[in-house]
Amino acid sequence: MLGKSVIRAITAPTDGSFNLCDHDPAWRDTQDLRALSEKQLKKRAKVYLERGHKSLTECQEKLYADNRYSLLVIFQAMDAAGKDTTIKHVMSGINPQGCQVTSFKHPSATELDHTFLWRYSQALPRRGMIGIFNRSYYEEVLVVRVHRELVAAQRIPGKNGGAGFWKSRFRDINAFERHLTQNGTVILKFFLNLSKEEQRQRFIERLTNKDKLWKYDPSDLRDRSHWDSYQHAYQETIAHTSSPWAPWHIIPADNKWVMRALVSGVISDTIGALDIDFPKLPKHRVSEIKVALKSLRSE
């Protein structure tokens, strides 16, 4: 389990006072961790991640069997922060039947003909399931806000992307998440907080490693040129949408192994805290099972 001090450090306040500058992308929680070398830190994080795998596997089975709650895990980040690999490492080993991952790209013509939340609502996890959004409806107040021409593409009558437009979207998102949580969906929101220098180093690695060249997209550098605008958009978005029912977790992303261990811990602790268990059979089913066992043993 994650300690209370760690949870406090990575959980954004829900009163609108969030400040991104207070969260160090290279953060290490304790003096003990700060004293470790990179190799030692990676080793410790891997051990914690392995424990998380076991805990998450057990919790997922109960979630699936209980069939009352669903879990929606949202990942948002700048390019190269490690969303894909975090999903891969954290969710490794769980039953694929109980988990679905949805990655959202540019909206189609059909999706643009609906409200901005429509395509995301189609992919929500059903009861008993873990749903993972690799990017999400938060793109509608991040990418769309930085690239204002995308507002026009949505053809919303009388809307031009002014300050009131974004506040309205924040209210819509908060109401949408409130509705989901009131109906049994637990929402975990992770912002993988990457520094600009670390992103630069990872882009260089991507462009010099033939096994990673396929990941490169020219839009990566175009968005990097809007770094400050994106940081402002994240600041505003998290401050307005970190709510008591769906708070944001700000995960330091400069160290990939620390990032993965923290995400794993939050997910495992959250499911473990739910009032879920394997269903108890009614008396008549217990009697049926006893009869069935007696019949099989007597063959």
C-alpha atoms as a PDB file:
ATOM      1  CA  MET A   1       0.000   0.000   0.000  1.00  0.00           C
ATOM      2  CA  LEU A   2       1.084   3.568  -0.649  1.00  0.00           C
ATOM      3  CA  GLY A   3       1.708   5.639   2.446  1.00  0.00           C
ATOM      4  CA  LYS A   4      -0.604   8.519   3.336  1.00  0.00           C
ATOM      5  CA  SER A   5       2.165  11.056   2.769  1.00  0.00           C
ATOM      6  CA  VAL A   6       2.698   9.733  -0.761  1.00  0.00           C
ATOM      7  CA  ILE A   7      -1.020   9.846  -1.530  1.00  0.00           C
ATOM      8  CA  ARG A   8      -1.208  13.441  -0.319  1.00  0.00           C
ATOM      9  CA  ALA A   9       1.833  14.407  -2.377  1.00  0.00           C
ATOM     10  CA  ILE A  10       0.470  13.060  -5.667  1.00  0.00           C
ATOM     11  CA  THR A  11      -3.231  13.929  -5.257  1.00  0.00           C
ATOM     12  CA  ALA A  12      -4.341  17.297  -6.608  1.00  0.00           C
ATOM     13  CA  PRO A  13      -6.482  19.404  -4.247  1.00  0.00           C
ATOM     14  CA  THR A  14     -10.199  19.506  -5.022  1.00  0.00           C
ATOM     15  CA  ASP A  15     -10.811  23.133  -4.009  1.00  0.00           C
ATOM     16  CA  GLY A  16      -9.421  24.739  -7.173  1.00  0.00           C
ATOM     17  CA  SER A  17      -6.074  25.635  -5.578  1.00  0.00           C
ATOM     18  CA  PHE A  18      -3.994  23.234  -7.681  1.00  0.00           C
ATOM     19  CA  ASN A  19      -0.681  24.599  -8.928  1.00  0.00           C
ATOM     20  CA  LEU A  20       1.332  22.517 -11.380  1.00  0.00           C
ATOM     21  CA  CYS A  21       4.532  24.257 -10.293  1.00  0.00           C
ATOM     22  CA  ASP A  22       4.223  22.534  -6.913  1.00  0.00           C
ATOM     23  CA  HIS A  23       4.761  19.108  -8.521  1.00  0.00           C
ATOM     24  CA  ASP A  24       8.297  18.100  -9.465  1.00  0.00           C
ATOM     25  CA  PRO A  25       8.432  15.708 -12.467  1.00  0.00           C
ATOM     26  CA  ALA A  26      11.565  14.135 -10.926  1.00  0.00           C
ATOM     27  CA  TRP A  27      10.067  13.954  -7.416  1.00  0.00           C
ATOM     28  CA  ARG A  28      11.280  11.369  -4.906  1.00  0.00           C
ATOM     29  CA  ASP A  29       9.151  11.149  -1.814  1.00  0.00           C
ATOM     30  CA  THR A  30      11.574  10.588   1.036  1.00  0.00           C
ATOM     31  CA  GLN A  31      15.174  11.261   1.986  1.00  0.00           C
ATOM     32  CA  ASP A  32      15.689   7.502   1.775  1.00  0.00           C
ATOM     33  CA  LEU A  33      14.635   7.453  -1.872  1.00  0.00           C
ATOM     34  CA  ARG A  34      16.676  10.533  -2.713  1.00  0.00           C
ATOM     35  CA  ALA A  35      19.776   8.742  -1.416  1.00  0.00           C
ATOM     36  CA  LEU A  36      19.359   5.889  -3.910  1.00  0.00           C
ATOM     37  CA  SER A  37      21.188   5.720  -7.217  1.00  0.00           C
ATOM     38  CA  GLU A  38      19.147   5.402 -10.403  1.00  0.00           C
ATOM     39  CA  LYS A  39      19.929   1.674 -10.507  1.00  0.00           C
ATOM     40  CA  GLN A  40      18.882   1.166  -6.890  1.00  0.00           C
ATOM     41  CA  LEU A  41      15.733   3.231  -7.394  1.00  0.00           C
ATOM     42  CA  LYS A  42      14.759   1.159 -10.437  1.00  0.00           C
ATOM     43  CA  LYS A  43      15.310  -2.071  -8.499  1.00  0.00           C
ATOM     44  CA  ARG A  44      13.139  -0.926  -5.585  1.00  0.00           C
ATOM     45  CA  ALA A  45      10.390   0.338  -7.897  1.00  0.00           C
ATOM     46  CA  LYS A  46      10.372  -2.978  -9.809  1.00  0.00           C
ATOM     47  CA  VAL A  47       9.910  -4.907  -6.555  1.00  0.00           C
ATOM     48  CA  TYR A  48       7.000  -2.645  -5.618  1.00  0.00           C
ATOM     49  CA  LEU A  49       5.516  -3.041  -9.091  1.00  0.00           C
ATOM     50  CA  GLU A  50       5.660  -6.834  -8.827  1.00  0.00           C
ATOM     51  CA  ARG A  51       3.776  -6.666  -5.525  1.00  0.00           C
ATOM     52  CA  GLY A  52       1.256  -4.441  -7.238  1.00  0.00           C
ATOM     53  CA  HIS A  53       0.739  -7.047  -9.985  1.00  0.00           C
ATOM     54  CA  LYS A  54      -0.221  -9.674  -7.415  1.00  0.00           C
ATOM     55  CA  SER A  55      -2.522  -7.330  -5.531  1.00  0.00           C
ATOM     56  CA  LEU A  56      -4.153  -6.020  -8.715  1.00  0.00           C
ATOM     57  CA  THR A  57      -4.775  -9.550 -10.021  1.00  0.00           C
ATOM     58  CA  GLU A  58      -6.571 -10.512  -6.802  1.00  0.00           C
ATOM     59  CA  CYS A  59      -8.554  -7.266  -6.693  1.00  0.00           C
ATOM     60  CA  GLN A  60      -9.590  -7.548 -10.346  1.00  0.00           C
ATOM     61  CA  GLU A  61     -11.019 -11.038  -9.802  1.00  0.00           C
ATOM     62  CA  LYS A  62     -13.184  -9.727  -6.968  1.00  0.00           C
ATOM     63  CA  LEU A  63     -14.257  -6.691  -9.009  1.00  0.00           C
ATOM     64  CA  TYR A  64     -15.290  -8.940 -11.889  1.00  0.00           C
ATOM     65  CA  ALA A  65     -17.094 -11.456  -9.684  1.00  0.00           C
ATOM     66  CA  ASP A  66     -18.850  -8.836  -7.560  1.00  0.00           C
ATOM     67  CA  ASN A  67     -20.189  -7.153 -10.737  1.00  0.00           C
ATOM     68  CA  ARG A  68     -21.418  -3.944  -9.105  1.00  0.00           C
ATOM     69  CA  TYR A  69     -18.581  -1.485  -9.686  1.00  0.00           C
ATOM     70  CA  SER A  70     -16.538  -0.602 -12.749  1.00  0.00           C
ATOM     71  CA  LEU A  71     -13.193   1.188 -12.801  1.00  0.00           C
ATOM     72  CA  LEU A  72     -12.301   3.875 -15.334  1.00  0.00           C
ATOM     73  CA  VAL A  73      -8.575   4.697 -15.460  1.00  0.00           C
ATOM     74  CA  ILE A  74      -7.651   7.822 -17.416  1.00  0.00           C
ATOM     75  CA  PHE A  75      -4.136   8.654 -18.606  1.00  0.00           C
ATOM     76  CA  GLN A  76      -3.234  12.127 -19.847  1.00  0.00           C
ATOM     77  CA  ALA A  77       0.250  13.412 -20.585  1.00  0.00           C
ATOM     78  CA  MET A  78       2.526  15.170 -23.001  1.00  0.00           C
ATOM     79  CA  ASP A  79       4.063  13.017 -25.753  1.00  0.00           C
ATOM     80  CA  ALA A  80       6.811  10.595 -24.615  1.00  0.00           C
ATOM     81  CA  ALA A  81       5.666  10.642 -20.989  1.00  0.00           C
ATOM     82  CA  GLY A  82       5.122   6.876 -21.097  1.00  0.00           C
ATOM     83  CA  LYS A  83       1.374   6.279 -21.210  1.00  0.00           C
ATOM     84  CA  ASP A  84       1.641   3.147 -23.370  1.00  0.00           C
ATOM     85  CA  THR A  85       4.435   1.523 -21.389  1.00  0.00           C
ATOM     86  CA  THR A  86       2.791   2.381 -18.069  1.00  0.00           C
ATOM     87  CA  ILE A  87      -0.389   0.628 -19.171  1.00  0.00           C
ATOM     88  CA  LYS A  88       1.687  -2.335 -20.370  1.00  0.00           C
ATOM     89  CA  HIS A  89       3.726  -2.706 -17.178  1.00  0.00           C
ATOM     90  CA  VAL A  90       1.025  -1.899 -14.626  1.00  0.00           C
ATOM     91  CA  MET A  91      -1.702  -4.070 -16.149  1.00  0.00           C
ATOM     92  CA  SER A  92       0.617  -6.976 -16.996  1.00  0.00           C
ATOM     93  CA  GLY A  93      -0.752 -10.292 -15.781  1.00  0.00           C
ATOM     94  CA  ILE A  94      -4.376  -9.335 -15.199  1.00  0.00           C
ATOM     95  CA  ASN A  95      -7.165 -11.263 -16.905  1.00  0.00           C
ATOM     96  CA  PRO A  96      -7.811  -9.710 -20.355  1.00  0.00           C
ATOM     97  CA  GLN A  97     -11.491 -10.660 -20.012  1.00  0.00           C
ATOM     98  CA  GLY A  98     -11.857  -8.091 -17.259  1.00  0.00           C
ATOM     99  CA  CYS A  99     -10.002  -5.201 -18.888  1.00  0.00           C
ATOM    100  CA  GLN A 100     -10.336  -3.055 -22.001  1.00  0.00           C
ATOM    101  CA  VAL A 101      -7.989  -0.347 -23.296  1.00  0.00           C
ATOM    102  CA  THR A 102      -9.233   2.424 -25.592  1.00  0.00           C
ATOM    103  CA  SER A 103      -6.917   4.880 -27.327  1.00  0.00           C
ATOM    104  CA  PHE A 104      -8.531   7.995 -28.751  1.00  0.00           C
ATOM    105  CA  LYS A 105      -7.187   9.564 -31.934  1.00  0.00           C
ATOM    106  CA  HIS A 106      -8.573  12.393 -34.066  1.00  0.00           C
ATOM    107  CA  PRO A 107     -12.393  12.263 -34.063  1.00  0.00           C
ATOM    108  CA  SER A 108     -14.127  10.908 -37.137  1.00  0.00           C
ATOM    109  CA  ALA A 109     -16.792  12.782 -39.118  1.00  0.00           C
ATOM    110  CA  THR A 110     -19.476  10.753 -37.324  1.00  0.00           C
ATOM    111  CA  GLU A 111     -18.007  11.588 -33.919  1.00  0.00           C
ATOM    112  CA  LEU A 112     -17.873  15.284 -34.779  1.00  0.00           C
ATOM    113  CA  ASP A 113     -21.602  15.120 -35.498  1.00  0.00           C
ATOM    114  CA  HIS A 114     -22.239  14.371 -31.808  1.00  0.00           C
ATOM    115  CA  THR A 115     -21.492  16.156 -28.529  1.00  0.00           C
ATOM    116  CA  PHE A 116     -17.882  16.162 -27.367  1.00  0.00           C
ATOM    117  CA  LEU A 117     -18.552  13.483 -24.731  1.00  0.00           C
ATOM    118  CA  TRP A 118     -20.407  11.087 -27.036  1.00  0.00           C
ATOM    119  CA  ARG A 119     -17.546   8.987 -28.390  1.00  0.00           C
ATOM    120  CA  TYR A 120     -16.044   8.568 -24.927  1.00  0.00           C
ATOM    121  CA  SER A 121     -19.325   7.418 -23.398  1.00  0.00           C
ATOM    122  CA  GLN A 122     -19.440   4.616 -25.992  1.00  0.00           C
ATOM    123  CA  ALA A 123     -16.246   3.120 -24.551  1.00  0.00           C
ATOM    124  CA  LEU A 124     -17.068   3.235 -20.827  1.00  0.00           C
ATOM    125  CA  PRO A 125     -16.423  -0.021 -18.924  1.00  0.00           C
ATOM    126  CA  ARG A 126     -19.433  -2.070 -17.904  1.00  0.00           C
ATOM    127  CA  ARG A 127     -19.886  -3.339 -14.345  1.00  0.00           C
ATOM    128  CA  GLY A 128     -17.102  -5.627 -13.167  1.00  0.00           C
ATOM    129  CA  MET A 129     -14.675  -4.303 -15.770  1.00  0.00           C
ATOM    130  CA  ILE A 130     -11.577  -2.106 -15.743  1.00  0.00           C
ATOM    131  CA  GLY A 131     -11.610   0.399 -18.591  1.00  0.00           C
ATOM    132  CA  ILE A 132      -8.447   2.280 -19.513  1.00  0.00           C
ATOM    133  CA  PHE A 133      -8.553   5.473 -21.561  1.00  0.00           C
ATOM    134  CA  ASN A 134      -5.244   6.282 -23.256  1.00  0.00           C
ATOM    135  CA  ARG A 135      -6.123   9.952 -23.672  1.00  0.00           C
ATOM    136  CA  SER A 136      -9.751  10.799 -23.022  1.00  0.00           C
ATOM    137  CA  TYR A 137     -12.459  13.459 -23.086  1.00  0.00           C
ATOM    138  CA  TYR A 138      -9.856  15.709 -21.452  1.00  0.00           C
ATOM    139  CA  GLU A 139      -8.374  16.146 -24.920  1.00  0.00           C
ATOM    140  CA  GLU A 140     -11.405  18.387 -25.507  1.00  0.00           C
ATOM    141  CA  VAL A 141     -10.044  20.948 -23.017  1.00  0.00           C
ATOM    142  CA  LEU A 142      -6.354  20.364 -23.765  1.00  0.00           C
ATOM    143  CA  VAL A 143      -5.542  19.764 -27.446  1.00  0.00           C
ATOM    144  CA  VAL A 144      -8.690  21.554 -28.585  1.00  0.00           C
ATOM    145  CA  ARG A 145      -7.862  24.502 -26.333  1.00  0.00           C
ATOM    146  CA  VAL A 146      -4.272  24.803 -27.584  1.00  0.00           C
ATOM    147  CA  HIS A 147      -5.369  24.406 -31.201  1.00  0.00           C
ATOM    148  CA  ARG A 148      -8.422  26.670 -31.292  1.00  0.00           C
ATOM    149  CA  GLU A 149      -9.164  25.869 -34.944  1.00  0.00           C
ATOM    150  CA  LEU A 150     -10.497  22.511 -33.701  1.00  0.00           C
ATOM    151  CA  VAL A 151     -13.362  24.323 -31.988  1.00  0.00           C
ATOM    152  CA  ALA A 152     -14.607  25.519 -35.372  1.00  0.00           C
ATOM    153  CA  ALA A 153     -14.400  21.943 -36.704  1.00  0.00           C
ATOM    154  CA  GLN A 154     -16.930  20.876 -34.067  1.00  0.00           C
ATOM    155  CA  ARG A 155     -19.523  23.249 -35.543  1.00  0.00           C
ATOM    156  CA  ILE A 156     -21.152  24.240 -32.242  1.00  0.00           C
ATOM    157  CA  PRO A 157     -23.599  27.126 -32.802  1.00  0.00           C
ATOM    158  CA  GLY A 158     -22.383  30.400 -31.345  1.00  0.00           C
ATOM    159  CA  LYS A 159     -19.228  28.971 -29.748  1.00  0.00           C
ATOM    160  CA  ASN A 160     -15.813  30.474 -30.517  1.00  0.00           C
ATOM    161  CA  GLY A 161     -13.569  29.070 -27.789  1.00  0.00           C
ATOM    162  CA  GLY A 162     -13.640  32.014 -25.378  1.00  0.00           C
ATOM    163  CA  ALA A 163     -12.996  31.737 -21.624  1.00  0.00           C
ATOM    164  CA  GLY A 164     -16.637  30.921 -20.893  1.00  0.00           C
ATOM    165  CA  PHE A 165     -16.535  28.036 -23.372  1.00  0.00           C
ATOM    166  CA  TRP A 166     -13.841  26.162 -21.410  1.00  0.00           C
ATOM    167  CA  LYS A 167     -15.492  26.781 -18.053  1.00  0.00           C
ATOM    168  CA  SER A 168     -18.679  25.336 -19.519  1.00  0.00           C
ATOM    169  CA  ARG A 169     -16.796  22.242 -20.643  1.00  0.00           C
ATOM    170  CA  PHE A 170     -15.238  21.853 -17.196  1.00  0.00           C
ATOM    171  CA  ARG A 171     -18.738  21.923 -15.693  1.00  0.00           C
ATOM    172  CA  ASP A 172     -19.940  19.345 -18.223  1.00  0.00           C
ATOM    173  CA  ILE A 173     -17.019  17.038 -17.427  1.00  0.00           C
ATOM    174  CA  ASN A 174     -17.543  17.360 -13.671  1.00  0.00           C
ATOM    175  CA  ALA A 175     -21.249  16.573 -14.073  1.00  0.00           C
ATOM    176  CA  PHE A 176     -20.467  13.625 -16.368  1.00  0.00           C
ATOM    177  CA  GLU A 177     -18.010  12.169 -13.846  1.00  0.00           C
ATOM    178  CA  ARG A 178     -20.412  12.793 -10.966  1.00  0.00           C
ATOM    179  CA  HIS A 179     -23.082  10.862 -12.871  1.00  0.00           C
ATOM    180  CA  LEU A 180     -20.691   7.958 -13.482  1.00  0.00           C
ATOM    181  CA  THR A 181     -19.528   7.714  -9.877  1.00  0.00           C
ATOM    182  CA  GLN A 182     -23.094   7.848  -8.576  1.00  0.00           C
ATOM    183  CA  ASN A 183     -23.833   4.820 -10.738  1.00  0.00           C
ATOM    184  CA  GLY A 184     -20.913   2.658  -9.639  1.00  0.00           C
ATOM    185  CA  THR A 185     -17.999   3.750 -11.828  1.00  0.00           C
ATOM    186  CA  VAL A 186     -14.855   4.565  -9.859  1.00  0.00           C
ATOM    187  CA  ILE A 187     -12.693   7.086 -11.742  1.00  0.00           C
ATOM    188  CA  LEU A 188      -8.915   7.321 -11.443  1.00  0.00           C
ATOM    189  CA  LYS A 189      -7.253  10.157 -13.360  1.00  0.00           C
ATOM    190  CA  PHE A 190      -3.492  10.212 -13.874  1.00  0.00           C
ATOM    191  CA  PHE A 191      -1.499  13.103 -15.279  1.00  0.00           C
ATOM    192  CA  LEU A 192       1.978  11.798 -16.060  1.00  0.00           C
ATOM    193  CA  ASN A 193       4.005  14.898 -15.290  1.00  0.00           C
ATOM    194  CA  LEU A 194       7.012  15.001 -17.624  1.00  0.00           C
ATOM    195  CA  SER A 195       9.613  17.780 -17.718  1.00  0.00           C
ATOM    196  CA  LYS A 196      10.455  19.500 -20.977  1.00  0.00           C
ATOM    197  CA  GLU A 197      14.113  18.433 -20.780  1.00  0.00           C
ATOM    198  CA  GLU A 198      13.211  14.786 -20.184  1.00  0.00           C
ATOM    199  CA  GLN A 199      10.844  14.897 -23.159  1.00  0.00           C
ATOM    200  CA  ARG A 200      13.708  16.242 -25.294  1.00  0.00           C
ATOM    201  CA  GLN A 201      15.965  13.377 -24.233  1.00  0.00           C
ATOM    202  CA  ARG A 202      13.274  10.789 -24.957  1.00  0.00           C
ATOM    203  CA  PHE A 203      12.595  12.252 -28.406  1.00  0.00           C
ATOM    204  CA  ILE A 204      16.332  12.045 -29.183  1.00  0.00           C
ATOM    205  CA  GLU A 205      16.361   8.425 -28.037  1.00  0.00           C
ATOM    206  CA  ARG A 206      13.290   7.704 -30.157  1.00  0.00           C
ATOM    207  CA  LEU A 207      14.898   9.214 -33.259  1.00  0.00           C
ATOM    208  CA  THR A 208      18.207   7.390 -32.790  1.00  0.00           C
ATOM    209  CA  ASN A 209      16.851   3.944 -31.945  1.00  0.00           C
ATOM    210  CA  LYS A 210      15.696   2.008 -35.009  1.00  0.00           C
ATOM    211  CA  ASP A 211      13.323  -0.039 -32.856  1.00  0.00           C
ATOM    212  CA  LYS A 212      11.532   3.124 -31.743  1.00  0.00           C
ATOM    213  CA  LEU A 213      11.463   5.087 -34.997  1.00  0.00           C
ATOM    214  CA  TRP A 214       7.929   3.858 -35.703  1.00  0.00           C
ATOM    215  CA  LYS A 215       6.714   5.872 -32.697  1.00  0.00           C
ATOM    216  CA  TYR A 216       7.790   9.194 -34.202  1.00  0.00           C
ATOM    217  CA  ASP A 217       5.109  11.495 -35.525  1.00  0.00           C
ATOM    218  CA  PRO A 218       5.866  14.985 -36.916  1.00  0.00           C
ATOM    219  CA  SER A 219       3.077  16.326 -34.696  1.00  0.00           C
ATOM    220  CA  ASP A 220       5.221  15.454 -31.651  1.00  0.00           C
ATOM    221  CA  LEU A 221       7.608  18.326 -32.316  1.00  0.00           C
ATOM    222  CA  ARG A 222       4.808  20.647 -33.383  1.00  0.00           C
ATOM    223  CA  ASP A 223       3.103  20.117 -30.037  1.00  0.00           C
ATOM    224  CA  ARG A 224       6.422  20.544 -28.229  1.00  0.00           C
ATOM    225  CA  SER A 225       6.600  24.038 -29.685  1.00  0.00           C
ATOM    226  CA  HIS A 226       3.335  24.733 -27.788  1.00  0.00           C
ATOM    227  CA  TRP A 227       4.750  23.446 -24.476  1.00  0.00           C
ATOM    228  CA  ASP A 228       3.834  26.525 -22.424  1.00  0.00           C
ATOM    229  CA  SER A 229       0.293  26.586 -23.819  1.00  0.00           C
ATOM    230  CA  TYR A 230      -0.171  22.927 -22.911  1.00  0.00           C
ATOM    231  CA  GLN A 231       1.166  23.496 -19.391  1.00  0.00           C
ATOM    232  CA  HIS A 232      -1.341  26.313 -18.953  1.00  0.00           C
ATOM    233  CA  ALA A 233      -4.142  24.120 -20.287  1.00  0.00           C
ATOM    234  CA  TYR A 234      -3.228  21.304 -17.870  1.00  0.00           C
ATOM    235  CA  GLN A 235      -3.018  23.780 -15.002  1.00  0.00           C
ATOM    236  CA  GLU A 236      -6.504  25.104 -15.717  1.00  0.00           C
ATOM    237  CA  THR A 237      -8.009  21.690 -16.445  1.00  0.00           C
ATOM    238  CA  ILE A 238      -6.730  19.967 -13.307  1.00  0.00           C
ATOM    239  CA  ALA A 239      -7.628  22.942 -11.094  1.00  0.00           C
ATOM    240  CA  HIS A 240     -11.209  22.932 -12.391  1.00  0.00           C
ATOM    241  CA  THR A 241     -11.828  19.176 -12.632  1.00  0.00           C
ATOM    242  CA  SER A 242     -10.066  17.656  -9.626  1.00  0.00           C
ATOM    243  CA  SER A 243     -13.205  16.877  -7.637  1.00  0.00           C
ATOM    244  CA  PRO A 244     -13.959  14.971  -4.413  1.00  0.00           C
ATOM    245  CA  TRP A 245     -15.566  12.224  -6.515  1.00  0.00           C
ATOM    246  CA  ALA A 246     -12.813  12.114  -9.165  1.00  0.00           C
ATOM    247  CA  PRO A 247      -9.537  13.750  -8.058  1.00  0.00           C
ATOM    248  CA  TRP A 248      -6.480  13.963 -10.273  1.00  0.00           C
ATOM    249  CA  HIS A 249      -3.235  12.157  -9.416  1.00  0.00           C
ATOM    250  CA  ILE A 250      -0.106  14.009 -10.516  1.00  0.00           C
ATOM    251  CA  ILE A 251       2.492  11.333 -11.180  1.00  0.00           C
ATOM    252  CA  PRO A 252       6.167  12.338 -11.536  1.00  0.00           C
ATOM    253  CA  ALA A 253       7.128  10.899 -14.936  1.00  0.00           C
ATOM    254  CA  ASP A 254      10.833  11.680 -15.355  1.00  0.00           C
ATOM    255  CA  ASN A 255      11.650   8.308 -13.785  1.00  0.00           C
ATOM    256  CA  LYS A 256       9.602   5.637 -15.574  1.00  0.00           C
ATOM    257  CA  TRP A 257       9.882   2.988 -12.864  1.00  0.00           C
ATOM    258  CA  VAL A 258       8.799   5.323 -10.073  1.00  0.00           C
ATOM    259  CA  MET A 259       5.892   6.435 -12.274  1.00  0.00           C
ATOM    260  CA  ARG A 260       4.745   2.859 -12.905  1.00  0.00           C
ATOM    261  CA  ALA A 261       5.051   1.861  -9.242  1.00  0.00           C
ATOM    262  CA  LEU A 262       2.968   4.854  -8.125  1.00  0.00           C
ATOM    263  CA  VAL A 263       0.229   4.220 -10.701  1.00  0.00           C
ATOM    264  CA  SER A 264       0.117   0.535  -9.759  1.00  0.00           C
ATOM    265  CA  GLY A 265      -0.156   1.397  -6.085  1.00  0.00           C
ATOM    266  CA  VAL A 266      -3.018   3.861  -6.577  1.00  0.00           C
ATOM    267  CA  ILE A 267      -5.029   1.414  -8.708  1.00  0.00           C
ATOM    268  CA  SER A 268      -4.496  -1.530  -6.340  1.00  0.00           C
ATOM    269  CA  ASP A 269      -5.269   0.522  -3.231  1.00  0.00           C
ATOM    270  CA  THR A 270      -8.417   1.974  -4.814  1.00  0.00           C
ATOM    271  CA  ILE A 271      -9.901  -1.373  -5.835  1.00  0.00           C
ATOM    272  CA  GLY A 272      -8.804  -2.950  -2.548  1.00  0.00           C
ATOM    273  CA  ALA A 273     -10.723  -0.301  -0.601  1.00  0.00           C
ATOM    274  CA  LEU A 274     -14.027  -1.081  -2.358  1.00  0.00           C
ATOM    275  CA  ASP A 275     -16.711  -3.068  -0.595  1.00  0.00           C
ATOM    276  CA  ILE A 276     -16.405  -6.037  -2.947  1.00  0.00           C
ATOM    277  CA  ASP A 277     -16.076  -9.791  -2.487  1.00  0.00           C
ATOM    278  CA  PHE A 278     -16.810 -13.034  -4.238  1.00  0.00           C
ATOM    279  CA  PRO A 279     -20.597 -13.582  -4.289  1.00  0.00           C
ATOM    280  CA  LYS A 280     -21.995 -15.806  -1.551  1.00  0.00           C
ATOM    281  CA  LEU A 281     -24.199 -18.578  -2.861  1.00  0.00           C
ATOM    282  CA  PRO A 282     -27.808 -18.894  -1.645  1.00  0.00           C
ATOM    283  CA  LYS A 283     -28.655 -21.932   0.467  1.00  0.00           C
ATOM    284  CA  HIS A 284     -30.376 -23.821  -2.339  1.00  0.00           C
ATOM    285  CA  ARG A 285     -27.255 -23.524  -4.517  1.00  0.00           C
ATOM    286  CA  VAL A 286     -25.077 -24.802  -1.675  1.00  0.00           C
ATOM    287  CA  SER A 287     -27.337 -27.851  -1.423  1.00  0.00           C
ATOM    288  CA  GLU A 288     -27.131 -28.382  -5.192  1.00  0.00           C
ATOM    289  CA  ILE A 289     -23.328 -28.276  -5.043  1.00  0.00           C
ATOM    290  CA  LYS A 290     -23.237 -30.858  -2.259  1.00  0.00           C
ATOM    291  CA  VAL A 291     -25.438 -33.180  -4.317  1.00  0.00           C
ATOM    292  CA  ALA A 292     -23.260 -32.653  -7.389  1.00  0.00           C
ATOM    293  CA  LEU A 293     -20.069 -33.395  -5.458  1.00  0.00           C
ATOM    294  CA  LYS A 294     -21.575 -36.527  -3.939  1.00  0.00           C
ATOM    295  CA  SER A 295     -22.602 -37.704  -7.402  1.00  0.00           C
ATOM    296  CA  LEU A 296     -19.148 -37.096  -8.922  1.00  0.00           C
ATOM    297  CA  ARG A 297     -17.315 -38.774  -6.051  1.00  0.00           C
ATOM    298  CA  SER A 298     -19.497 -41.831  -6.227  1.00  0.00           C
ATOM    299  CA  GLU A 299     -18.756 -42.491  -9.934  1.00  0.00           C
END
